């Protein structure tokens, strides 16, 4: 799943585990971890499936 942020370099903190959940670089974060995807979506981040060409 590919997530985009308007801010170029942002770190989303996981309060439950007291560690970073996602680190956006140049406004983009990519993950295949379903738990991370669910948490980001629950916090208002919109994701899209990454195309094979994007990797």
N, C-alpha and C. Protein backbone atom coordinates (compact mmCIF):
# COMPACT_ATOMS: atom_id res chain seq x y z
N UNK A 1 0.85 -1.15 0.00
CA UNK A 1 0.00 0.00 0.00
C UNK A 1 0.90 1.23 0.00
N UNK A 2 0.56 2.19 -0.79
CA UNK A 2 1.32 3.42 -0.94
C UNK A 2 0.54 4.56 -0.30
N UNK A 3 1.16 5.24 0.62
CA UNK A 3 0.54 6.38 1.30
C UNK A 3 1.28 7.64 0.92
N UNK A 4 0.54 8.74 0.79
CA UNK A 4 1.15 10.03 0.45
C UNK A 4 0.78 11.05 1.51
N UNK A 5 1.71 11.96 1.76
CA UNK A 5 1.51 13.03 2.74
C UNK A 5 1.84 14.36 2.08
N UNK A 6 1.14 15.40 2.49
CA UNK A 6 1.44 16.74 1.96
C UNK A 6 2.76 17.26 2.51
N UNK A 7 3.14 16.76 3.69
CA UNK A 7 4.41 17.13 4.29
C UNK A 7 5.48 16.15 3.77
N UNK A 8 6.61 16.66 3.32
CA UNK A 8 7.60 15.78 2.67
C UNK A 8 8.24 14.74 3.59
N UNK A 9 8.60 15.12 4.80
CA UNK A 9 9.28 14.18 5.70
C UNK A 9 8.58 14.19 7.04
N UNK A 10 7.74 13.19 7.26
CA UNK A 10 6.94 13.12 8.47
C UNK A 10 7.08 11.74 9.09
N UNK A 11 7.06 11.67 10.40
CA UNK A 11 7.08 10.39 11.09
C UNK A 11 5.77 10.28 11.86
N UNK A 12 5.04 9.19 11.63
CA UNK A 12 3.79 8.92 12.33
C UNK A 12 4.13 8.01 13.50
N UNK A 13 3.76 8.45 14.71
CA UNK A 13 4.12 7.73 15.93
C UNK A 13 3.03 6.73 16.32
N UNK A 14 3.44 5.54 16.71
CA UNK A 14 2.54 4.50 17.20
C UNK A 14 2.51 4.60 18.73
N UNK A 15 1.45 5.21 19.27
CA UNK A 15 1.36 5.42 20.73
C UNK A 15 1.28 4.10 21.48
N UNK A 16 0.60 3.11 20.92
CA UNK A 16 0.43 1.83 21.60
C UNK A 16 1.76 1.12 21.84
N UNK A 17 2.65 1.20 20.87
CA UNK A 17 3.94 0.50 20.95
C UNK A 17 5.11 1.43 21.26
N UNK A 18 4.81 2.73 21.41
CA UNK A 18 5.82 3.75 21.73
C UNK A 18 7.03 3.69 20.79
N UNK A 19 6.70 3.68 19.49
CA UNK A 19 7.76 3.68 18.48
C UNK A 19 7.18 4.23 17.17
N UNK A 20 8.03 4.58 16.21
CA UNK A 20 7.52 5.08 14.92
C UNK A 20 6.71 4.01 14.20
N UNK A 21 5.60 4.43 13.60
CA UNK A 21 4.76 3.53 12.81
C UNK A 21 5.14 3.63 11.34
N UNK A 22 5.35 4.88 10.88
CA UNK A 22 5.65 5.11 9.47
C UNK A 22 6.53 6.35 9.33
N UNK A 23 7.50 6.27 8.45
CA UNK A 23 8.37 7.41 8.15
C UNK A 23 8.21 7.76 6.67
N UNK A 24 7.59 8.90 6.42
CA UNK A 24 7.39 9.37 5.05
C UNK A 24 8.66 10.04 4.56
N UNK A 25 9.11 9.66 3.38
CA UNK A 25 10.28 10.28 2.74
C UNK A 25 9.79 10.91 1.44
N UNK A 26 10.05 12.19 1.28
CA UNK A 26 9.57 12.93 0.11
C UNK A 26 8.06 12.78 -0.06
N UNK A 27 7.34 12.68 1.08
CA UNK A 27 5.89 12.61 1.07
C UNK A 27 5.30 11.25 0.75
N UNK A 28 6.15 10.20 0.72
CA UNK A 28 5.67 8.87 0.34
C UNK A 28 6.12 7.83 1.37
N UNK A 29 5.20 6.92 1.69
CA UNK A 29 5.50 5.78 2.56
C UNK A 29 4.84 4.57 1.95
N UNK A 30 5.57 3.48 1.85
CA UNK A 30 5.04 2.25 1.27
C UNK A 30 5.20 1.10 2.26
N UNK A 31 4.14 0.30 2.39
CA UNK A 31 4.18 -0.86 3.29
C UNK A 31 3.29 -1.97 2.75
N UNK A 32 3.63 -3.19 3.11
CA UNK A 32 2.79 -4.34 2.81
C UNK A 32 2.21 -4.91 4.10
N UNK A 33 2.55 -4.31 5.24
CA UNK A 33 2.10 -4.75 6.55
C UNK A 33 0.65 -4.30 6.77
N UNK A 34 -0.26 -5.26 6.88
CA UNK A 34 -1.69 -4.93 7.02
C UNK A 34 -2.00 -4.20 8.32
N UNK A 35 -1.27 -4.49 9.39
CA UNK A 35 -1.50 -3.81 10.66
C UNK A 35 -1.14 -2.33 10.54
N UNK A 36 -0.05 -2.02 9.88
CA UNK A 36 0.37 -0.63 9.67
C UNK A 36 -0.64 0.08 8.78
N UNK A 37 -1.08 -0.59 7.73
CA UNK A 37 -2.08 -0.03 6.82
C UNK A 37 -3.35 0.33 7.57
N UNK A 38 -3.84 -0.57 8.42
CA UNK A 38 -5.07 -0.32 9.18
C UNK A 38 -4.91 0.87 10.12
N UNK A 39 -3.77 0.95 10.80
CA UNK A 39 -3.55 2.06 11.73
C UNK A 39 -3.46 3.40 11.00
N UNK A 40 -2.78 3.42 9.87
CA UNK A 40 -2.68 4.67 9.12
C UNK A 40 -4.06 5.12 8.62
N UNK A 41 -4.83 4.18 8.10
CA UNK A 41 -6.17 4.51 7.61
C UNK A 41 -7.06 4.99 8.76
N UNK A 42 -6.93 4.35 9.93
CA UNK A 42 -7.73 4.75 11.10
C UNK A 42 -7.38 6.17 11.55
N UNK A 43 -6.17 6.62 11.22
CA UNK A 43 -5.74 7.97 11.59
C UNK A 43 -5.89 8.97 10.46
N UNK A 44 -6.65 8.60 9.43
CA UNK A 44 -6.99 9.56 8.38
C UNK A 44 -6.08 9.59 7.16
N UNK A 45 -5.09 8.73 7.11
CA UNK A 45 -4.22 8.69 5.94
C UNK A 45 -4.88 7.84 4.86
N UNK A 46 -4.80 8.30 3.62
CA UNK A 46 -5.39 7.55 2.52
C UNK A 46 -4.28 6.83 1.76
N UNK A 47 -4.54 5.57 1.47
CA UNK A 47 -3.57 4.76 0.76
C UNK A 47 -4.14 4.23 -0.53
N UNK A 48 -3.23 3.81 -1.39
CA UNK A 48 -3.64 3.20 -2.66
C UNK A 48 -2.68 2.06 -2.95
N UNK A 49 -3.16 1.10 -3.69
CA UNK A 49 -2.30 -0.02 -4.05
C UNK A 49 -1.19 0.49 -4.97
N UNK A 50 0.02 0.08 -4.68
CA UNK A 50 1.16 0.51 -5.48
C UNK A 50 1.21 -0.33 -6.76
N UNK A 51 1.44 0.34 -7.87
CA UNK A 51 1.59 -0.35 -9.14
C UNK A 51 2.97 -0.99 -9.17
N UNK A 52 3.11 -2.04 -9.92
CA UNK A 52 4.40 -2.75 -10.02
C UNK A 52 5.50 -1.79 -10.51
N UNK A 53 5.15 -0.82 -11.35
CA UNK A 53 6.13 0.13 -11.90
C UNK A 53 6.65 1.10 -10.85
N UNK A 54 5.88 1.33 -9.76
CA UNK A 54 6.25 2.29 -8.74
C UNK A 54 7.36 1.81 -7.83
N UNK A 55 7.64 0.52 -7.82
CA UNK A 55 8.64 -0.03 -6.90
C UNK A 55 10.04 0.13 -7.38
